[in-house]
PDB file of N, CA and C in Angstrom:
ATOM      1  N   UNK A   1      98.412 203.712  76.829  1.00  0.00           N
ATOM      2  CA  UNK A   1      97.717 203.466  78.092  1.00  0.00           C
ATOM      3  C   UNK A   1      97.886 202.021  78.590  1.00  0.00           C
ATOM      4  N   UNK A   2      97.933 201.048  77.669  1.00  0.00           N
ATOM      5  CA  UNK A   2      98.049 199.655  78.093  1.00  0.00           C
ATOM      6  C   UNK A   2      99.399 199.397  78.754  1.00  0.00           C
ATOM      7  N   UNK A   3     100.454 199.910  78.153  1.00  0.00           N
ATOM      8  CA  UNK A   3     101.788 199.672  78.702  1.00  0.00           C
ATOM      9  C   UNK A   3     101.936 200.341  80.061  1.00  0.00           C
ATOM     10  N   UNK A   4     101.380 201.542  80.227  1.00  0.00           N
ATOM     11  CA  UNK A   4     101.472 202.202  81.532  1.00  0.00           C
ATOM     12  C   UNK A   4     100.705 201.415  82.592  1.00  0.00           C
ATOM     13  N   UNK A   5      99.579 200.811  82.233  1.00  0.00           N
ATOM     14  CA  UNK A   5      98.825 199.966  83.171  1.00  0.00           C
ATOM     15  C   UNK A   5      99.644 198.733  83.549  1.00  0.00           C
ATOM     16  N   UNK A   6     100.290 198.138  82.562  1.00  0.00           N
ATOM     17  CA  UNK A   6     101.118 196.956  82.820  1.00  0.00           C
ATOM     18  C   UNK A   6     102.250 197.323  83.777  1.00  0.00           C
ATOM     19  N   UNK A   7     102.847 198.495  83.573  1.00  0.00           N
ATOM     20  CA  UNK A   7     103.916 198.955  84.462  1.00  0.00           C
ATOM     21  C   UNK A   7     103.381 199.203  85.867  1.00  0.00           C
ATOM     22  N   UNK A   8     102.199 199.843  85.972  1.00  0.00           N
ATOM     23  CA  UNK A   8     101.595 200.117  87.279  1.00  0.00           C
ATOM     24  C   UNK A   8     101.345 198.830  88.061  1.00  0.00           C
ATOM     25  N   UNK A   9     100.986 197.778  87.373  1.00  0.00           N
ATOM     26  CA  UNK A   9     100.709 196.502  88.030  1.00  0.00           C
ATOM     27  C   UNK A   9     101.984 195.727  88.346  1.00  0.00           C
ATOM     28  N   UNK A  10     103.129 196.258  87.924  1.00  0.00           N
ATOM     29  CA  UNK A  10     104.402 195.615  88.204  1.00  0.00           C
ATOM     30  C   UNK A  10     104.680 194.396  87.346  1.00  0.00           C
ATOM     31  N   UNK A  11     104.063 194.335  86.181  1.00  0.00           N
ATOM     32  CA  UNK A  11     104.209 193.167  85.318  1.00  0.00           C
ATOM     33  C   UNK A  11     105.107 193.399  84.106  1.00  0.00           C
ATOM     34  N   UNK A  12     105.562 194.611  83.915  1.00  0.00           N
ATOM     35  CA  UNK A  12     106.313 194.932  82.703  1.00  0.00           C
ATOM     36  C   UNK A  12     107.565 194.062  82.554  1.00  0.00           C
ATOM     37  N   UNK A  13     108.259 193.814  83.650  1.00  0.00           N
ATOM     38  CA  UNK A  13     109.489 193.031  83.589  1.00  0.00           C
ATOM     39  C   UNK A  13     109.223 191.583  83.177  1.00  0.00           C
ATOM     40  N   UNK A  14     107.993 191.140  83.285  1.00  0.00           N
ATOM     41  CA  UNK A  14     107.641 189.761  82.919  1.00  0.00           C
ATOM     42  C   UNK A  14     107.121 189.646  81.488  1.00  0.00           C
ATOM     43  N   UNK A  15     107.006 190.770  80.807  1.00  0.00           N
ATOM     44  CA  UNK A  15     106.456 190.782  79.453  1.00  0.00           C
ATOM     45  C   UNK A  15     107.563 190.568  78.425  1.00  0.00           C
ATOM     46  N   UNK A  16     107.295 189.724  77.440  1.00  0.00           N
ATOM     47  CA  UNK A  16     108.230 189.575  76.326  1.00  0.00           C
ATOM     48  C   UNK A  16     108.028 190.716  75.342  1.00  0.00           C
ATOM     49  N   UNK A  17     106.769 191.064  75.088  1.00  0.00           N
ATOM     50  CA  UNK A  17     106.451 192.155  74.164  1.00  0.00           C
ATOM     51  C   UNK A  17     104.961 192.448  74.220  1.00  0.00           C
ATOM     52  N   UNK A  18     104.607 193.580  73.655  1.00  0.00           N
ATOM     53  CA  UNK A  18     103.203 193.936  73.426  1.00  0.00           C
ATOM     54  C   UNK A  18     103.093 194.194  71.937  1.00  0.00           C
ATOM     55  N   UNK A  19     102.237 193.447  71.269  1.00  0.00           N
ATOM     56  CA  UNK A  19     102.117 193.552  69.809  1.00  0.00           C
ATOM     57  C   UNK A  19     100.674 193.822  69.431  1.00  0.00           C
ATOM     58  N   UNK A  20     100.505 194.510  68.318  1.00  0.00           N
ATOM     59  CA  UNK A  20      99.164 194.805  67.802  1.00  0.00           C
ATOM     60  C   UNK A  20      98.994 194.172  66.432  1.00  0.00           C
ATOM     61  N   UNK A  21      97.809 193.645  66.192  1.00  0.00           N
ATOM     62  CA  UNK A  21      97.514 193.034  64.893  1.00  0.00           C
ATOM     63  C   UNK A  21      97.044 194.073  63.878  1.00  0.00           C
ATOM     64  N   UNK A  22      96.947 195.333  64.308  1.00  0.00           N
ATOM     65  CA  UNK A  22      96.534 196.435  63.431  1.00  0.00           C
ATOM     66  C   UNK A  22      95.208 196.164  62.726  1.00  0.00           C
ATOM     67  N   UNK A  23      94.244 195.709  63.494  1.00  0.00           N
ATOM     68  CA  UNK A  23      92.893 195.476  62.979  1.00  0.00           C
ATOM     69  C   UNK A  23      91.959 196.536  63.533  1.00  0.00           C
ATOM     70  N   UNK A  24      91.017 196.953  62.725  1.00  0.00           N
ATOM     71  CA  UNK A  24      89.972 197.851  63.194  1.00  0.00           C
ATOM     72  C   UNK A  24      88.835 197.006  63.744  1.00  0.00           C
ATOM     73  N   UNK A  25      88.006 197.593  64.573  1.00  0.00           N
ATOM     74  CA  UNK A  25      86.900 196.860  65.196  1.00  0.00           C
ATOM     75  C   UNK A  25      86.042 196.162  64.151  1.00  0.00           C
ATOM     76  N   UNK A  26      85.746 196.830  63.067  1.00  0.00           N
ATOM     77  CA  UNK A  26      84.903 196.222  62.037  1.00  0.00           C
ATOM     78  C   UNK A  26      85.598 195.056  61.340  1.00  0.00           C
ATOM     79  N   UNK A  27      86.938 195.037  61.357  1.00  0.00           N
ATOM     80  CA  UNK A  27      87.682 193.929  60.753  1.00  0.00           C
ATOM     81  C   UNK A  27      87.501 192.632  61.532  1.00  0.00           C
ATOM     82  N   UNK A  28      87.156 192.744  62.805  1.00  0.00           N
ATOM     83  CA  UNK A  28      87.042 191.560  63.648  1.00  0.00           C
ATOM     84  C   UNK A  28      85.892 190.649  63.234  1.00  0.00           C
ATOM     85  N   UNK A  29      84.991 191.151  62.401  1.00  0.00           N
ATOM     86  CA  UNK A  29      83.918 190.312  61.860  1.00  0.00           C
ATOM     87  C   UNK A  29      84.457 189.276  60.879  1.00  0.00           C
ATOM     88  N   UNK A  30      85.613 189.550  60.309  1.00  0.00           N
ATOM     89  CA  UNK A  30      86.218 188.635  59.339  1.00  0.00           C
ATOM     90  C   UNK A  30      87.128 187.661  60.097  1.00  0.00           C
ATOM     91  N   UNK A  31      86.593 186.481  60.388  1.00  0.00           N
ATOM     92  CA  UNK A  31      87.287 185.486  61.210  1.00  0.00           C
ATOM     93  C   UNK A  31      88.657 185.133  60.642  1.00  0.00           C
ATOM     94  N   UNK A  32      88.715 184.809  59.370  1.00  0.00           N
ATOM     95  CA  UNK A  32      89.975 184.367  58.760  1.00  0.00           C
ATOM     96  C   UNK A  32      91.031 185.465  58.792  1.00  0.00           C
ATOM     97  N   UNK A  33      90.629 186.697  58.476  1.00  0.00           N
ATOM     98  CA  UNK A  33      91.575 187.815  58.495  1.00  0.00           C
ATOM     99  C   UNK A  33      92.070 188.069  59.916  1.00  0.00           C
ATOM    100  N   UNK A  34      91.148 188.033  60.872  1.00  0.00           N
ATOM    101  CA  UNK A  34      91.520 188.258  62.267  1.00  0.00           C
ATOM    102  C   UNK A  34      92.492 187.185  62.737  1.00  0.00           C
ATOM    103  N   UNK A  35      92.158 185.927  62.465  1.00  0.00           N
ATOM    104  CA  UNK A  35      93.029 184.826  62.879  1.00  0.00           C
ATOM    105  C   UNK A  35      94.410 184.944  62.235  1.00  0.00           C
ATOM    106  N   UNK A  36      94.459 185.235  60.951  1.00  0.00           N
ATOM    107  CA  UNK A  36      95.742 185.341  60.253  1.00  0.00           C
ATOM    108  C   UNK A  36      96.592 186.476  60.822  1.00  0.00           C
ATOM    109  N   UNK A  37      95.989 187.637  61.053  1.00  0.00           N
ATOM    110  CA  UNK A  37      96.737 188.794  61.565  1.00  0.00           C
ATOM    111  C   UNK A  37      97.254 188.551  62.978  1.00  0.00           C
ATOM    112  N   UNK A  38      96.381 188.038  63.834  1.00  0.00           N
ATOM    113  CA  UNK A  38      96.780 187.794  65.221  1.00  0.00           C
ATOM    114  C   UNK A  38      97.797 186.655  65.285  1.00  0.00           C
ATOM    115  N   UNK A  39      97.603 185.616  64.488  1.00  0.00           N
ATOM    116  CA  UNK A  39      98.537 184.487  64.484  1.00  0.00           C
ATOM    117  C   UNK A  39      99.935 184.929  64.061  1.00  0.00           C
ATOM    118  N   UNK A  40     100.021 185.816  63.093  1.00  0.00           N
ATOM    119  CA  UNK A  40     101.331 186.298  62.644  1.00  0.00           C
ATOM    120  C   UNK A  40     102.037 187.077  63.754  1.00  0.00           C
ATOM    121  N   UNK A  41     101.311 187.972  64.419  1.00  0.00           N
ATOM    122  CA  UNK A  41     101.915 188.736  65.520  1.00  0.00           C
ATOM    123  C   UNK A  41     102.288 187.815  66.677  1.00  0.00           C
ATOM    124  N   UNK A  42     101.452 186.834  66.952  1.00  0.00           N
ATOM    125  CA  UNK A  42     101.739 185.884  68.033  1.00  0.00           C
ATOM    126  C   UNK A  42     102.974 185.049  67.694  1.00  0.00           C
ATOM    127  N   UNK A  43     103.088 184.635  66.448  1.00  0.00           N
ATOM    128  CA  UNK A  43     104.255 183.866  66.009  1.00  0.00           C
ATOM    129  C   UNK A  43     105.533 184.670  66.218  1.00  0.00           C
ATOM    130  N   UNK A  44     105.500 185.948  65.843  1.00  0.00           N
ATOM    131  CA  UNK A  44     106.663 186.826  66.026  1.00  0.00           C
ATOM    132  C   UNK A  44     106.973 186.978  67.514  1.00  0.00           C
ATOM    133  N   UNK A  45     105.928 187.139  68.320  1.00  0.00           N
ATOM    134  CA  UNK A  45     106.133 187.283  69.768  1.00  0.00           C
ATOM    135  C   UNK A  45     106.816 186.050  70.350  1.00  0.00           C
ATOM    136  N   UNK A  46     106.414 184.882  69.896  1.00  0.00           N
ATOM    137  CA  UNK A  46     107.001 183.635  70.399  1.00  0.00           C
ATOM    138  C   UNK A  46     108.412 183.444  69.853  1.00  0.00           C
ATOM    139  N   UNK A  47     108.569 183.527  68.543  1.00  0.00           N
ATOM    140  CA  UNK A  47     109.855 183.208  67.911  1.00  0.00           C
ATOM    141  C   UNK A  47     110.920 184.279  68.114  1.00  0.00           C
ATOM    142  N   UNK A  48     110.539 185.541  68.011  1.00  0.00           N
ATOM    143  CA  UNK A  48     111.528 186.622  68.085  1.00  0.00           C
ATOM    144  C   UNK A  48     111.656 187.233  69.478  1.00  0.00           C
ATOM    145  N   UNK A  49     110.521 187.340  70.190  1.00  0.00           N
ATOM    146  CA  UNK A  49     110.526 188.035  71.476  1.00  0.00           C
ATOM    147  C   UNK A  49     110.632 187.087  72.667  1.00  0.00           C
ATOM    148  N   UNK A  50     110.473 185.792  72.424  1.00  0.00           N
ATOM    149  CA  UNK A  50     110.583 184.817  73.502  1.00  0.00           C
ATOM    150  C   UNK A  50     109.342 184.659  74.357  1.00  0.00           C
ATOM    151  N   UNK A  51     108.190 185.034  73.830  1.00  0.00           N
ATOM    152  CA  UNK A  51     106.943 184.894  74.596  1.00  0.00           C
ATOM    153  C   UNK A  51     106.660 183.425  74.883  1.00  0.00           C
ATOM    154  N   UNK A  52     106.220 183.150  76.097  1.00  0.00           N
ATOM    155  CA  UNK A  52     105.868 181.789  76.500  1.00  0.00           C
ATOM    156  C   UNK A  52     104.364 181.607  76.621  1.00  0.00           C
ATOM    157  N   UNK A  53     103.631 182.699  76.606  1.00  0.00           N
ATOM    158  CA  UNK A  53     102.170 182.709  76.676  1.00  0.00           C
ATOM    159  C   UNK A  53     101.694 183.881  75.836  1.00  0.00           C
ATOM    160  N   UNK A  54     100.582 183.708  75.137  1.00  0.00           N
ATOM    161  CA  UNK A  54      99.953 184.813  74.411  1.00  0.00           C
ATOM    162  C   UNK A  54      98.685 185.188  75.164  1.00  0.00           C
ATOM    163  N   UNK A  55      98.570 186.461  75.527  1.00  0.00           N
ATOM    164  CA  UNK A  55      97.366 186.966  76.183  1.00  0.00           C
ATOM    165  C   UNK A  55      96.674 187.886  75.191  1.00  0.00           C
ATOM    166  N   UNK A  56      95.492 187.497  74.754  1.00  0.00           N
ATOM    167  CA  UNK A  56      94.745 188.328  73.813  1.00  0.00           C
ATOM    168  C   UNK A  56      94.275 189.587  74.528  1.00  0.00           C
ATOM    169  N   UNK A  57      94.261 190.697  73.824  1.00  0.00           N
ATOM    170  CA  UNK A  57      93.947 191.975  74.442  1.00  0.00           C
ATOM    171  C   UNK A  57      92.508 192.412  74.326  1.00  0.00           C
ATOM    172  N   UNK A  58      91.652 191.555  73.813  1.00  0.00           N
ATOM    173  CA  UNK A  58      90.266 191.959  73.572  1.00  0.00           C
ATOM    174  C   UNK A  58      89.363 190.735  73.663  1.00  0.00           C
ATOM    175  N   UNK A  59      88.260 190.868  74.379  1.00  0.00           N
ATOM    176  CA  UNK A  59      87.342 189.736  74.510  1.00  0.00           C
ATOM    177  C   UNK A  59      86.678 189.375  73.197  1.00  0.00           C
ATOM    178  N   UNK A  60      86.639 190.299  72.258  1.00  0.00           N
ATOM    179  CA  UNK A  60      86.051 190.012  70.949  1.00  0.00           C
ATOM    180  C   UNK A  60      86.866 188.940  70.223  1.00  0.00           C
ATOM    181  N   UNK A  61      88.131 188.815  70.567  1.00  0.00           N
ATOM    182  CA  UNK A  61      88.991 187.821  69.922  1.00  0.00           C
ATOM    183  C   UNK A  61      88.816 186.424  70.503  1.00  0.00           C
ATOM    184  N   UNK A  62      87.887 186.260  71.407  1.00  0.00           N
ATOM    185  CA  UNK A  62      87.650 184.956  72.010  1.00  0.00           C
ATOM    186  C   UNK A  62      87.335 183.875  71.005  1.00  0.00           C
ATOM    187  N   UNK A  63      86.719 184.251  69.910  1.00  0.00           N
ATOM    188  CA  UNK A  63      86.336 183.259  68.900  1.00  0.00           C
ATOM    189  C   UNK A  63      87.544 182.636  68.200  1.00  0.00           C
ATOM    190  N   UNK A  64      88.687 183.307  68.236  1.00  0.00           N
ATOM    191  CA  UNK A  64      89.874 182.759  67.562  1.00  0.00           C
ATOM    192  C   UNK A  64      90.838 182.086  68.527  1.00  0.00           C
ATOM    193  N   UNK A  65      90.580 182.151  69.819  1.00  0.00           N
ATOM    194  CA  UNK A  65      91.538 181.655  70.811  1.00  0.00           C
ATOM    195  C   UNK A  65      91.890 180.189  70.600  1.00  0.00           C
ATOM    196  N   UNK A  66      90.904 179.345  70.379  1.00  0.00           N
ATOM    197  CA  UNK A  66      91.162 177.921  70.189  1.00  0.00           C
ATOM    198  C   UNK A  66      91.984 177.644  68.947  1.00  0.00           C
ATOM    199  N   UNK A  67      91.595 178.256  67.845  1.00  0.00           N
ATOM    200  CA  UNK A  67      92.329 178.063  66.589  1.00  0.00           C
ATOM    201  C   UNK A  67      93.748 178.616  66.702  1.00  0.00           C
ATOM    202  N   UNK A  68      93.894 179.736  67.396  1.00  0.00           N
ATOM    203  CA  UNK A  68      95.220 180.327  67.583  1.00  0.00           C
ATOM    204  C   UNK A  68      96.103 179.398  68.419  1.00  0.00           C
ATOM    205  N   UNK A  69      95.544 178.841  69.477  1.00  0.00           N
ATOM    206  CA  UNK A  69      96.302 177.919  70.326  1.00  0.00           C
ATOM    207  C   UNK A  69      96.767 176.701  69.531  1.00  0.00           C
ATOM    208  N   UNK A  70      95.943 176.247  68.591  1.00  0.00           N
ATOM    209  CA  UNK A  70      96.320 175.103  67.759  1.00  0.00           C
ATOM    210  C   UNK A  70      97.471 175.421  66.812  1.00  0.00           C
ATOM    211  N   UNK A  71      97.655 176.703  66.480  1.00  0.00           N
ATOM    212  CA  UNK A  71      98.720 177.111  65.566  1.00  0.00           C
ATOM    213  C   UNK A  71     100.043 177.370  66.293  1.00  0.00           C
ATOM    214  N   UNK A  72      99.984 177.530  67.606  1.00  0.00           N
ATOM    215  CA  UNK A  72     101.164 177.923  68.376  1.00  0.00           C
ATOM    216  C   UNK A  72     101.602 176.818  69.326  1.00  0.00           C
ATOM    217  N   UNK A  73     102.833 176.909  69.774  1.00  0.00           N
ATOM    218  CA  UNK A  73     103.355 175.943  70.737  1.00  0.00           C
ATOM    219  C   UNK A  73     103.295 176.484  72.165  1.00  0.00           C
ATOM    220  N   UNK A  74     102.509 177.549  72.365  1.00  0.00           N
ATOM    221  CA  UNK A  74     102.380 178.151  73.693  1.00  0.00           C
ATOM    222  C   UNK A  74     100.900 178.317  74.023  1.00  0.00           C
ATOM    223  N   UNK A  75     100.567 178.439  75.313  1.00  0.00           N
ATOM    224  CA  UNK A  75      99.168 178.657  75.688  1.00  0.00           C
ATOM    225  C   UNK A  75      98.664 180.018  75.219  1.00  0.00           C
ATOM    226  N   UNK A  76      97.361 180.097  74.989  1.00  0.00           N
ATOM    227  CA  UNK A  76      96.698 181.349  74.620  1.00  0.00           C
ATOM    228  C   UNK A  76      95.654 181.645  75.692  1.00  0.00           C
ATOM    229  N   UNK A  77      95.748 182.830  76.290  1.00  0.00           N
ATOM    230  CA  UNK A  77      94.798 183.246  77.320  1.00  0.00           C
ATOM    231  C   UNK A  77      93.794 184.193  76.691  1.00  0.00           C
ATOM    232  N   UNK A  78      92.532 183.835  76.787  1.00  0.00           N
ATOM    233  CA  UNK A  78      91.443 184.681  76.283  1.00  0.00           C
ATOM    234  C   UNK A  78      90.900 185.438  77.489  1.00  0.00           C
ATOM    235  N   UNK A  79      90.901 186.785  77.479  1.00  0.00           N
ATOM    236  CA  UNK A  79      90.595 187.556  78.676  1.00  0.00           C
ATOM    237  C   UNK A  79      89.187 187.376  79.233  1.00  0.00           C
ATOM    238  N   UNK A  80      88.205 187.150  78.389  1.00  0.00           N
ATOM    239  CA  UNK A  80      86.844 186.956  78.893  1.00  0.00           C
ATOM    240  C   UNK A  80      86.742 185.700  79.738  1.00  0.00           C
ATOM    241  N   UNK A  81      87.255 184.607  79.215  1.00  0.00           N
ATOM    242  CA  UNK A  81      87.241 183.340  79.945  1.00  0.00           C
ATOM    243  C   UNK A  81      88.098 183.434  81.200  1.00  0.00           C
ATOM    244  N   UNK A  82      89.257 184.075  81.098  1.00  0.00           N
ATOM    245  CA  UNK A  82      90.139 184.223  82.257  1.00  0.00           C
ATOM    246  C   UNK A  82      89.446 185.013  83.368  1.00  0.00           C
ATOM    247  N   UNK A  83      88.725 186.069  83.013  1.00  0.00           N
ATOM    248  CA  UNK A  83      88.020 186.875  84.011  1.00  0.00           C
ATOM    249  C   UNK A  83      86.924 186.069  84.696  1.00  0.00           C
ATOM    250  N   UNK A  84      86.183 185.292  83.921  1.00  0.00           N
ATOM    251  CA  UNK A  84      85.115 184.469  84.498  1.00  0.00           C
ATOM    252  C   UNK A  84      85.701 183.414  85.432  1.00  0.00           C
ATOM    253  N   UNK A  85      86.771 182.755  85.008  1.00  0.00           N
ATOM    254  CA  UNK A  85      87.404 181.735  85.847  1.00  0.00           C
ATOM    255  C   UNK A  85      87.957 182.345  87.133  1.00  0.00           C
ATOM    256  N   UNK A  86      88.514 183.554  87.054  1.00  0.00           N
ATOM    257  CA  UNK A  86      89.004 184.228  88.248  1.00  0.00           C
ATOM    258  C   UNK A  86      87.849 184.547  89.185  1.00  0.00           C
ATOM    259  N   UNK A  87      86.746 185.053  88.648  1.00  0.00           N
ATOM    260  CA  UNK A  87      85.575 185.354  89.472  1.00  0.00           C
ATOM    261  C   UNK A  87      85.045 184.090  90.147  1.00  0.00           C
ATOM    262  N   UNK A  88      85.001 182.986  89.410  1.00  0.00           N
ATOM    263  CA  UNK A  88      84.559 181.713  89.991  1.00  0.00           C
ATOM    264  C   UNK A  88      85.486 181.280  91.124  1.00  0.00           C
ATOM    265  N   UNK A  89      86.787 181.408  90.902  1.00  0.00           N
ATOM    266  CA  UNK A  89      87.757 180.996  91.918  1.00  0.00           C
ATOM    267  C   UNK A  89      87.649 181.852  93.175  1.00  0.00           C
ATOM    268  N   UNK A  90      87.383 183.136  93.007  1.00  0.00           N
ATOM    269  CA  UNK A  90      87.250 184.022  94.161  1.00  0.00           C
ATOM    270  C   UNK A  90      85.934 183.808  94.893  1.00  0.00           C
ATOM    271  N   UNK A  91      84.895 183.429  94.171  1.00  0.00           N
ATOM    272  CA  UNK A  91      83.585 183.222  94.787  1.00  0.00           C
ATOM    273  C   UNK A  91      83.475 181.861  95.471  1.00  0.00           C
ATOM    274  N   UNK A  92      84.192 180.873  94.977  1.00  0.00           N
ATOM    275  CA  UNK A  92      84.064 179.499  95.477  1.00  0.00           C
ATOM    276  C   UNK A  92      84.274 179.363  96.984  1.00  0.00           C
ATOM    277  N   UNK A  93      85.282 180.001  97.574  1.00  0.00           N
ATOM    278  CA  UNK A  93      85.454 179.830  99.020  1.00  0.00           C
ATOM    279  C   UNK A  93      84.478 180.665  99.850  1.00  0.00           C
ATOM    280  N   UNK A  94      83.632 181.427  99.201  1.00  0.00           N
ATOM    281  CA  UNK A  94      82.652 182.239  99.919  1.00  0.00           C
ATOM    282  C   UNK A  94      83.187 183.559 100.428  1.00  0.00           C
ATOM    283  N   UNK A  95      84.291 184.018  99.872  1.00  0.00           N
ATOM    284  CA  UNK A  95      84.842 185.302 100.283  1.00  0.00           C
ATOM    285  C   UNK A  95      83.873 186.417  99.950  1.00  0.00           C
ATOM    286  N   UNK A  96      83.885 187.442 100.758  1.00  0.00           N
ATOM    287  CA  UNK A  96      83.029 188.608 100.532  1.00  0.00           C
ATOM    288  C   UNK A  96      83.914 189.818 100.251  1.00  0.00           C
ATOM    289  N   UNK A  97      83.368 190.790  99.566  1.00  0.00           N
ATOM    290  CA  UNK A  97      84.154 191.971  99.219  1.00  0.00           C
ATOM    291  C   UNK A  97      84.051 193.080 100.252  1.00  0.00           C
ATOM    292  N   UNK A  98      83.160 192.947 101.222  1.00  0.00           N
ATOM    293  CA  UNK A  98      82.958 193.991 102.211  1.00  0.00           C
ATOM    294  C   UNK A  98      84.124 194.063 103.191  1.00  0.00           C
ATOM    295  N   UNK A  99      84.396 195.267 103.684  1.00  0.00           N
ATOM    296  CA  UNK A  99      85.400 195.442 104.727  1.00  0.00           C
ATOM    297  C   UNK A  99      84.853 195.037 106.087  1.00  0.00           C
ATOM    298  N   UNK A 100      83.535 194.916 106.168  1.00  0.00           N
ATOM    299  CA  UNK A 100      82.886 194.621 107.438  1.00  0.00           C
ATOM    300  C   UNK A 100      82.305 193.214 107.406  1.00  0.00           C
ATOM    301  N   UNK A 101      82.388 192.493 108.526  1.00  0.00           N
ATOM    302  CA  UNK A 101      81.845 191.135 108.536  1.00  0.00           C
ATOM    303  C   UNK A 101      80.330 191.126 108.374  1.00  0.00           C
ATOM    304  N   UNK A 102      79.838 190.050 107.847  1.00  0.00           N
ATOM    305  CA  UNK A 102      78.410 189.869 107.649  1.00  0.00           C
ATOM    306  C   UNK A 102      77.731 189.746 109.014  1.00  0.00           C
ATOM    307  N   UNK A 103      76.582 190.415 109.200  1.00  0.00           N
ATOM    308  CA  UNK A 103      75.881 190.354 110.486  1.00  0.00           C
ATOM    309  C   UNK A 103      75.169 189.022 110.667  1.00  0.00           C
ATOM    310  N   UNK A 104      74.744 188.443 109.585  1.00  0.00           N
ATOM    311  CA  UNK A 104      74.073 187.148 109.634  1.00  0.00           C
ATOM    312  C   UNK A 104      75.020 186.094 109.095  1.00  0.00           C
ATOM    313  N   UNK A 105      74.613 184.857 109.216  1.00  0.00           N
ATOM    314  CA  UNK A 105      75.430 183.780 108.638  1.00  0.00           C
ATOM    315  C   UNK A 105      75.447 183.963 107.125  1.00  0.00           C
ATOM    316  N   UNK A 106      76.600 184.084 106.554  1.00  0.00           N
ATOM    317  CA  UNK A 106      76.728 184.363 105.121  1.00  0.00           C
ATOM    318  C   UNK A 106      76.822 183.111 104.307  1.00  0.00           C
TER     319      UNK A 106
END
């Protein structure tokens, strides 16, 4: 499902690879194991696949983003923070989501 979504958004041609750390949800409680597994897959993505950025696929992995970035020579995007920053950027100019203009001063 993830790859089909990436294709639908027209981003597949820009992807170096999609890799999984093969962790179960309950494994994510183990910080060291999670960091080691994700770091290994990220290293392979950078060294073998030519990735220039690592985008984590789960907001639960936010706790390892900083440590992962310190281990790699490429930026690491944590989806929770990225979503919040995007929302802030869209809200800052005062844009509205309605198709109809505001009746009062917005």
